[in-house]
Amino acid sequence: MKTEIKDISTDYIKLDTFLKLVGAVSTGGQAKEWVKSGKITVNGEVCIQRGRKLHTGDTVKIAGGETDYTVGKQKE
């Protein structure tokens, strides 16, 4: 399992937007379905809120995926 850090330039990013940013999904509808189905964990807990705010250091895992994603903070 590899971990990829994806930097954001804001204080937080919503989960569905983050899934699109990392290329895990191509549409918001697909993100909604994945989250609703329980395929996504945030910091080790299943998350069913697609609008959940992710902050620096949060880790997102996708069931069956080969990569974990960590929210990083873009340098100013």
PDB file of N, CA and C in Angstrom:
ATOM      1  N   MET A   1       0.865  -1.185   0.000  1.00  0.00           N
ATOM      2  CA  MET A   1       0.000   0.000   0.000  1.00  0.00           C
ATOM      3  C   MET A   1       0.905   1.239   0.000  1.00  0.00           C
ATOM      4  N   LYS A   2       0.645   2.133  -0.924  1.00  0.00           N
ATOM      5  CA  LYS A   2       1.432   3.367  -0.947  1.00  0.00           C
ATOM      6  C   LYS A   2       0.569   4.527  -0.455  1.00  0.00           C
ATOM      7  N   THR A   3       1.225   5.565   0.013  1.00  0.00           N
ATOM      8  CA  THR A   3       0.532   6.753   0.500  1.00  0.00           C
ATOM      9  C   THR A   3       0.923   7.935  -0.365  1.00  0.00           C
ATOM     10  N   GLU A   4      -0.077   8.673  -0.796  1.00  0.00           N
ATOM     11  CA  GLU A   4       0.143   9.862  -1.614  1.00  0.00           C
ATOM     12  C   GLU A   4      -0.357  11.077  -0.832  1.00  0.00           C
ATOM     13  N   ILE A   5       0.473  12.103  -0.737  1.00  0.00           N
ATOM     14  CA  ILE A   5       0.069  13.341  -0.067  1.00  0.00           C
ATOM     15  C   ILE A   5      -0.413  14.315  -1.125  1.00  0.00           C
ATOM     16  N   LYS A   6      -1.611  14.827  -0.921  1.00  0.00           N
ATOM     17  CA  LYS A   6      -2.187  15.786  -1.876  1.00  0.00           C
ATOM     18  C   LYS A   6      -2.360  17.112  -1.147  1.00  0.00           C
ATOM     19  N   ASP A   7      -1.592  18.107  -1.558  1.00  0.00           N
ATOM     20  CA  ASP A   7      -1.633  19.421  -0.907  1.00  0.00           C
ATOM     21  C   ASP A   7      -2.859  20.211  -1.337  1.00  0.00           C
ATOM     22  N   ILE A   8      -3.409  20.944  -0.378  1.00  0.00           N
ATOM     23  CA  ILE A   8      -4.517  21.853  -0.667  1.00  0.00           C
ATOM     24  C   ILE A   8      -4.094  23.261  -0.245  1.00  0.00           C
ATOM     25  N   SER A   9      -4.691  24.248  -0.869  1.00  0.00           N
ATOM     26  CA  SER A   9      -4.307  25.636  -0.593  1.00  0.00           C
ATOM     27  C   SER A   9      -5.275  26.325   0.362  1.00  0.00           C
ATOM     28  N   THR A  10      -6.309  25.604   0.798  1.00  0.00           N
ATOM     29  CA  THR A  10      -7.303  26.166   1.707  1.00  0.00           C
ATOM     30  C   THR A  10      -7.205  25.466   3.062  1.00  0.00           C
ATOM     31  N   ASP A  11      -7.988  25.923   4.042  1.00  0.00           N
ATOM     32  CA  ASP A  11      -7.954  25.319   5.377  1.00  0.00           C
ATOM     33  C   ASP A  11      -8.554  23.920   5.385  1.00  0.00           C
ATOM     34  N   TYR A  12      -9.504  23.669   4.488  1.00  0.00           N
ATOM     35  CA  TYR A  12     -10.139  22.348   4.407  1.00  0.00           C
ATOM     36  C   TYR A  12     -10.624  22.101   2.990  1.00  0.00           C
ATOM     37  N   ILE A  13     -10.990  20.848   2.736  1.00  0.00           N
ATOM     38  CA  ILE A  13     -11.574  20.460   1.454  1.00  0.00           C
ATOM     39  C   ILE A  13     -12.655  19.422   1.756  1.00  0.00           C
ATOM     40  N   LYS A  14     -13.745  19.478   1.034  1.00  0.00           N
ATOM     41  CA  LYS A  14     -14.811  18.503   1.253  1.00  0.00           C
ATOM     42  C   LYS A  14     -14.405  17.158   0.652  1.00  0.00           C
ATOM     43  N   LEU A  15     -14.867  16.099   1.288  1.00  0.00           N
ATOM     44  CA  LEU A  15     -14.484  14.740   0.891  1.00  0.00           C
ATOM     45  C   LEU A  15     -14.763  14.461  -0.579  1.00  0.00           C
ATOM     46  N   ASP A  16     -15.945  14.807  -1.073  1.00  0.00           N
ATOM     47  CA  ASP A  16     -16.254  14.508  -2.473  1.00  0.00           C
ATOM     48  C   ASP A  16     -15.326  15.255  -3.430  1.00  0.00           C
ATOM     49  N   THR A  17     -14.989  16.479  -3.089  1.00  0.00           N
ATOM     50  CA  THR A  17     -14.065  17.270  -3.904  1.00  0.00           C
ATOM     51  C   THR A  17     -12.659  16.673  -3.862  1.00  0.00           C
ATOM     52  N   PHE A  18     -12.264  16.201  -2.688  1.00  0.00           N
ATOM     53  CA  PHE A  18     -10.937  15.591  -2.532  1.00  0.00           C
ATOM     54  C   PHE A  18     -10.831  14.325  -3.373  1.00  0.00           C
ATOM     55  N   LEU A  19     -11.888  13.514  -3.395  1.00  0.00           N
ATOM     56  CA  LEU A  19     -11.870  12.293  -4.199  1.00  0.00           C
ATOM     57  C   LEU A  19     -11.685  12.609  -5.680  1.00  0.00           C
ATOM     58  N   LYS A  20     -12.293  13.708  -6.132  1.00  0.00           N
ATOM     59  CA  LYS A  20     -12.106  14.127  -7.528  1.00  0.00           C
ATOM     60  C   LYS A  20     -10.685  14.661  -7.734  1.00  0.00           C
ATOM     61  N   LEU A  21     -10.170  15.406  -6.759  1.00  0.00           N
ATOM     62  CA  LEU A  21      -8.831  15.993  -6.860  1.00  0.00           C
ATOM     63  C   LEU A  21      -7.752  14.926  -7.021  1.00  0.00           C
ATOM     64  N   VAL A  22      -7.878  13.834  -6.280  1.00  0.00           N
ATOM     65  CA  VAL A  22      -6.861  12.786  -6.362  1.00  0.00           C
ATOM     66  C   VAL A  22      -7.085  11.843  -7.542  1.00  0.00           C
ATOM     67  N   GLY A  23      -8.184  12.027  -8.264  1.00  0.00           N
ATOM     68  CA  GLY A  23      -8.453  11.216  -9.438  1.00  0.00           C
ATOM     69  C   GLY A  23      -9.092   9.864  -9.146  1.00  0.00           C
ATOM     70  N   ALA A  24      -9.582   9.685  -7.921  1.00  0.00           N
ATOM     71  CA  ALA A  24     -10.224   8.417  -7.558  1.00  0.00           C
ATOM     72  C   ALA A  24     -11.576   8.275  -8.243  1.00  0.00           C
ATOM     73  N   VAL A  25     -12.258   9.394  -8.446  1.00  0.00           N
ATOM     74  CA  VAL A  25     -13.549   9.415  -9.138  1.00  0.00           C
ATOM     75  C   VAL A  25     -13.506  10.517 -10.187  1.00  0.00           C
ATOM     76  N   SER A  26     -14.394  10.415 -11.156  1.00  0.00           N
ATOM     77  CA  SER A  26     -14.392  11.434 -12.204  1.00  0.00           C
ATOM     78  C   SER A  26     -15.550  12.422 -12.060  1.00  0.00           C
ATOM     79  N   THR A  27     -16.584  12.051 -11.293  1.00  0.00           N
ATOM     80  CA  THR A  27     -17.733  12.947 -11.138  1.00  0.00           C
ATOM     81  C   THR A  27     -18.163  13.029  -9.679  1.00  0.00           C
ATOM     82  N   GLY A  28     -18.894  14.075  -9.376  1.00  0.00           N
ATOM     83  CA  GLY A  28     -19.452  14.228  -8.040  1.00  0.00           C
ATOM     84  C   GLY A  28     -20.470  13.144  -7.722  1.00  0.00           C
ATOM     85  N   GLY A  29     -21.202  12.710  -8.740  1.00  0.00           N
ATOM     86  CA  GLY A  29     -22.181  11.642  -8.556  1.00  0.00           C
ATOM     87  C   GLY A  29     -21.519  10.329  -8.169  1.00  0.00           C
ATOM     88  N   GLN A  30     -20.401  10.053  -8.802  1.00  0.00           N
ATOM     89  CA  GLN A  30     -19.660   8.835  -8.473  1.00  0.00           C
ATOM     90  C   GLN A  30     -19.118   8.926  -7.047  1.00  0.00           C
ATOM     91  N   ALA A  31     -18.606  10.088  -6.658  1.00  0.00           N
ATOM     92  CA  ALA A  31     -18.113  10.289  -5.296  1.00  0.00           C
ATOM     93  C   ALA A  31     -19.234  10.059  -4.293  1.00  0.00           C
ATOM     94  N   LYS A  32     -20.406  10.587  -4.588  1.00  0.00           N
ATOM     95  CA  LYS A  32     -21.560  10.435  -3.704  1.00  0.00           C
ATOM     96  C   LYS A  32     -21.896   8.958  -3.499  1.00  0.00           C
ATOM     97  N   GLU A  33     -21.915   8.196  -4.582  1.00  0.00           N
ATOM     98  CA  GLU A  33     -22.237   6.767  -4.488  1.00  0.00           C
ATOM     99  C   GLU A  33     -21.193   6.000  -3.685  1.00  0.00           C
ATOM    100  N   TRP A  34     -19.931   6.290  -3.916  1.00  0.00           N
ATOM    101  CA  TRP A  34     -18.864   5.595  -3.188  1.00  0.00           C
ATOM    102  C   TRP A  34     -18.963   5.881  -1.695  1.00  0.00           C
ATOM    103  N   VAL A  35     -19.188   7.140  -1.349  1.00  0.00           N
ATOM    104  CA  VAL A  35     -19.282   7.512   0.062  1.00  0.00           C
ATOM    105  C   VAL A  35     -20.518   6.861   0.684  1.00  0.00           C
ATOM    106  N   LYS A  36     -21.649   6.954  -0.004  1.00  0.00           N
ATOM    107  CA  LYS A  36     -22.894   6.371   0.494  1.00  0.00           C
ATOM    108  C   LYS A  36     -22.790   4.862   0.714  1.00  0.00           C
ATOM    109  N   SER A  37     -22.020   4.190  -0.123  1.00  0.00           N
ATOM    110  CA  SER A  37     -21.910   2.739  -0.041  1.00  0.00           C
ATOM    111  C   SER A  37     -20.933   2.264   1.038  1.00  0.00           C
ATOM    112  N   GLY A  38     -20.245   3.203   1.698  1.00  0.00           N
ATOM    113  CA  GLY A  38     -19.320   2.822   2.772  1.00  0.00           C
ATOM    114  C   GLY A  38     -17.945   2.408   2.291  1.00  0.00           C
ATOM    115  N   LYS A  39     -17.587   2.758   1.052  1.00  0.00           N
ATOM    116  CA  LYS A  39     -16.281   2.392   0.487  1.00  0.00           C
ATOM    117  C   LYS A  39     -15.136   3.277   0.982  1.00  0.00           C
ATOM    118  N   ILE A  40     -15.470   4.382   1.634  1.00  0.00           N
ATOM    119  CA  ILE A  40     -14.459   5.366   2.002  1.00  0.00           C
ATOM    120  C   ILE A  40     -14.279   5.420   3.517  1.00  0.00           C
ATOM    121  N   THR A  41     -13.012   5.417   3.948  1.00  0.00           N
ATOM    122  CA  THR A  41     -12.733   5.645   5.367  1.00  0.00           C
ATOM    123  C   THR A  41     -11.893   6.914   5.492  1.00  0.00           C
ATOM    124  N   VAL A  42     -12.148   7.631   6.559  1.00  0.00           N
ATOM    125  CA  VAL A  42     -11.367   8.827   6.879  1.00  0.00           C
ATOM    126  C   VAL A  42     -10.788   8.599   8.267  1.00  0.00           C
ATOM    127  N   ASN A  43      -9.484   8.633   8.346  1.00  0.00           N
ATOM    128  CA  ASN A  43      -8.778   8.399   9.612  1.00  0.00           C
ATOM    129  C   ASN A  43      -9.209   7.087  10.261  1.00  0.00           C
ATOM    130  N   GLY A  44      -9.414   6.052   9.417  1.00  0.00           N
ATOM    131  CA  GLY A  44      -9.722   4.725   9.911  1.00  0.00           C
ATOM    132  C   GLY A  44     -11.183   4.432  10.199  1.00  0.00           C
ATOM    133  N   GLU A  45     -12.071   5.406  10.015  1.00  0.00           N
ATOM    134  CA  GLU A  45     -13.492   5.205  10.268  1.00  0.00           C
ATOM    135  C   GLU A  45     -14.291   5.382   8.976  1.00  0.00           C
ATOM    136  N   VAL A  46     -15.262   4.495   8.759  1.00  0.00           N
ATOM    137  CA  VAL A  46     -16.114   4.615   7.580  1.00  0.00           C
ATOM    138  C   VAL A  46     -16.821   5.960   7.621  1.00  0.00           C
ATOM    139  N   CYS A  47     -16.808   6.655   6.507  1.00  0.00           N
ATOM    140  CA  CYS A  47     -17.438   7.973   6.420  1.00  0.00           C
ATOM    141  C   CYS A  47     -18.534   7.933   5.369  1.00  0.00           C
ATOM    142  N   ILE A  48     -19.735   8.324   5.760  1.00  0.00           N
ATOM    143  CA  ILE A  48     -20.855   8.350   4.810  1.00  0.00           C
ATOM    144  C   ILE A  48     -21.339   9.776   4.564  1.00  0.00           C
ATOM    145  N   GLN A  49     -20.510  10.759   4.909  1.00  0.00           N
ATOM    146  CA  GLN A  49     -20.830  12.171   4.675  1.00  0.00           C
ATOM    147  C   GLN A  49     -19.940  12.687   3.552  1.00  0.00           C
ATOM    148  N   ARG A  50     -20.507  12.860   2.369  1.00  0.00           N
ATOM    149  CA  ARG A  50     -19.671  13.307   1.246  1.00  0.00           C
ATOM    150  C   ARG A  50     -19.194  14.742   1.432  1.00  0.00           C
ATOM    151  N   GLY A  51     -19.873  15.518   2.248  1.00  0.00           N
ATOM    152  CA  GLY A  51     -19.473  16.900   2.489  1.00  0.00           C
ATOM    153  C   GLY A  51     -18.562  17.069   3.686  1.00  0.00           C
ATOM    154  N   ARG A  52     -18.074  15.954   4.246  1.00  0.00           N
ATOM    155  CA  ARG A  52     -17.197  16.039   5.415  1.00  0.00           C
ATOM    156  C   ARG A  52     -15.977  16.886   5.083  1.00  0.00           C
ATOM    157  N   LYS A  53     -15.622  17.749   5.998  1.00  0.00           N
ATOM    158  CA  LYS A  53     -14.462  18.610   5.798  1.00  0.00           C
ATOM    159  C   LYS A  53     -13.195  17.859   6.189  1.00  0.00           C
ATOM    160  N   LEU A  54     -12.253  17.819   5.272  1.00  0.00           N
ATOM    161  CA  LEU A  54     -10.958  17.209   5.524  1.00  0.00           C
ATOM    162  C   LEU A  54      -9.945  18.314   5.785  1.00  0.00           C
ATOM    163  N   HIS A  55      -9.103  18.083   6.774  1.00  0.00           N
ATOM    164  CA  HIS A  55      -8.081  19.056   7.151  1.00  0.00           C
ATOM    165  C   HIS A  55      -6.699  18.416   6.987  1.00  0.00           C
ATOM    166  N   THR A  56      -5.670  19.236   7.045  1.00  0.00           N
ATOM    167  CA  THR A  56      -4.302  18.752   6.931  1.00  0.00           C
ATOM    168  C   THR A  56      -4.068  17.592   7.897  1.00  0.00           C
ATOM    169  N   GLY A  57      -3.512  16.510   7.362  1.00  0.00           N
ATOM    170  CA  GLY A  57      -3.203  15.340   8.170  1.00  0.00           C
ATOM    171  C   GLY A  57      -4.254  14.241   8.109  1.00  0.00           C
ATOM    172  N   ASP A  58      -5.448  14.549   7.612  1.00  0.00           N
ATOM    173  CA  ASP A  58      -6.486  13.521   7.487  1.00  0.00           C
ATOM    174  C   ASP A  58      -6.077  12.522   6.399  1.00  0.00           C
ATOM    175  N   THR A  59      -6.388  11.248   6.639  1.00  0.00           N
ATOM    176  CA  THR A  59      -6.059  10.197   5.686  1.00  0.00           C
ATOM    177  C   THR A  59      -7.333   9.558   5.154  1.00  0.00           C
ATOM    178  N   VAL A  60      -7.400   9.421   3.837  1.00  0.00           N
ATOM    179  CA  VAL A  60      -8.557   8.850   3.161  1.00  0.00           C
ATOM    180  C   VAL A  60      -8.133   7.538   2.512  1.00  0.00           C
ATOM    181  N   LYS A  61      -8.928   6.485   2.759  1.00  0.00           N
ATOM    182  CA  LYS A  61      -8.684   5.184   2.142  1.00  0.00           C
ATOM    183  C   LYS A  61      -9.930   4.768   1.371  1.00  0.00           C
ATOM    184  N   ILE A  62      -9.711   4.124   0.242  1.00  0.00           N
ATOM    185  CA  ILE A  62     -10.795   3.638  -0.593  1.00  0.00           C
ATOM    186  C   ILE A  62     -10.733   2.118  -0.582  1.00  0.00           C
ATOM    187  N   ALA A  63     -11.847   1.481  -0.232  1.00  0.00           N
ATOM    188  CA  ALA A  63     -11.889   0.018  -0.170  1.00  0.00           C
ATOM    189  C   ALA A  63     -11.430  -0.575  -1.495  1.00  0.00           C
ATOM    190  N   GLY A  64     -10.492  -1.494  -1.427  1.00  0.00           N
ATOM    191  CA  GLY A  64      -9.976  -2.143  -2.628  1.00  0.00           C
ATOM    192  C   GLY A  64      -8.920  -1.347  -3.369  1.00  0.00           C
ATOM    193  N   GLY A  65      -8.647  -0.134  -2.895  1.00  0.00           N
ATOM    194  CA  GLY A  65      -7.659   0.706  -3.562  1.00  0.00           C
ATOM    195  C   GLY A  65      -6.241   0.363  -3.148  1.00  0.00           C
ATOM    196  N   GLU A  66      -5.295   0.748  -3.971  1.00  0.00           N
ATOM    197  CA  GLU A  66      -3.886   0.480  -3.697  1.00  0.00           C
ATOM    198  C   GLU A  66      -3.163   1.674  -3.082  1.00  0.00           C
ATOM    199  N   THR A  67      -3.856   2.805  -2.985  1.00  0.00           N
ATOM    200  CA  THR A  67      -3.225   4.025  -2.491  1.00  0.00           C
ATOM    201  C   THR A  67      -4.068   4.646  -1.385  1.00  0.00           C
ATOM    202  N   ASP A  68      -3.393   5.097  -0.337  1.00  0.00           N
ATOM    203  CA  ASP A  68      -4.027   5.915   0.700  1.00  0.00           C
ATOM    204  C   ASP A  68      -3.675   7.359   0.371  1.00  0.00           C
ATOM    205  N   TYR A  69      -4.575   8.267   0.704  1.00  0.00           N
ATOM    206  CA  TYR A  69      -4.341   9.676   0.413  1.00  0.00           C
ATOM    207  C   TYR A  69      -4.351  10.476   1.702  1.00  0.00           C
ATOM    208  N   THR A  70      -3.346  11.328   1.870  1.00  0.00           N
ATOM    209  CA  THR A  70      -3.265  12.196   3.039  1.00  0.00           C
ATOM    210  C   THR A  70      -3.364  13.634   2.584  1.00  0.00           C
ATOM    211  N   VAL A  71      -4.150  14.417   3.309  1.00  0.00           N
ATOM    212  CA  VAL A  71      -4.312  15.835   2.992  1.00  0.00           C
ATOM    213  C   VAL A  71      -3.090  16.580   3.502  1.00  0.00           C
ATOM    214  N   GLY A  72      -2.418  17.295   2.612  1.00  0.00           N
ATOM    215  CA  GLY A  72      -1.261  18.100   2.984  1.00  0.00           C
ATOM    216  C   GLY A  72      -1.589  19.572   2.850  1.00  0.00           C
ATOM    217  N   LYS A  73      -0.722  20.403   3.366  1.00  0.00           N
ATOM    218  CA  LYS A  73      -0.911  21.848   3.286  1.00  0.00           C
ATOM    219  C   LYS A  73       0.096  22.428   2.312  1.00  0.00           C
ATOM    220  N   GLN A  74      -0.415  23.113   1.316  1.00  0.00           N
ATOM    221  CA  GLN A  74       0.442  23.725   0.314  1.00  0.00           C
ATOM    222  C   GLN A  74       1.269  24.830   0.953  1.00  0.00           C
ATOM    223  N   LYS A  75       2.551  24.855   0.627  1.00  0.00           N
ATOM    224  CA  LYS A  75       3.437  25.897   1.149  1.00  0.00           C
ATOM    225  C   LYS A  75       3.077  27.234   0.535  1.00  0.00           C
ATOM    226  N   GLU A  76       3.117  28.268   1.343  1.00  0.00           N
ATOM    227  CA  GLU A  76       2.767  29.613   0.847  1.00  0.00           C
ATOM    228  C   GLU A  76       3.952  30.336   0.301  1.00  0.00           C
TER     229      GLU A  76
END
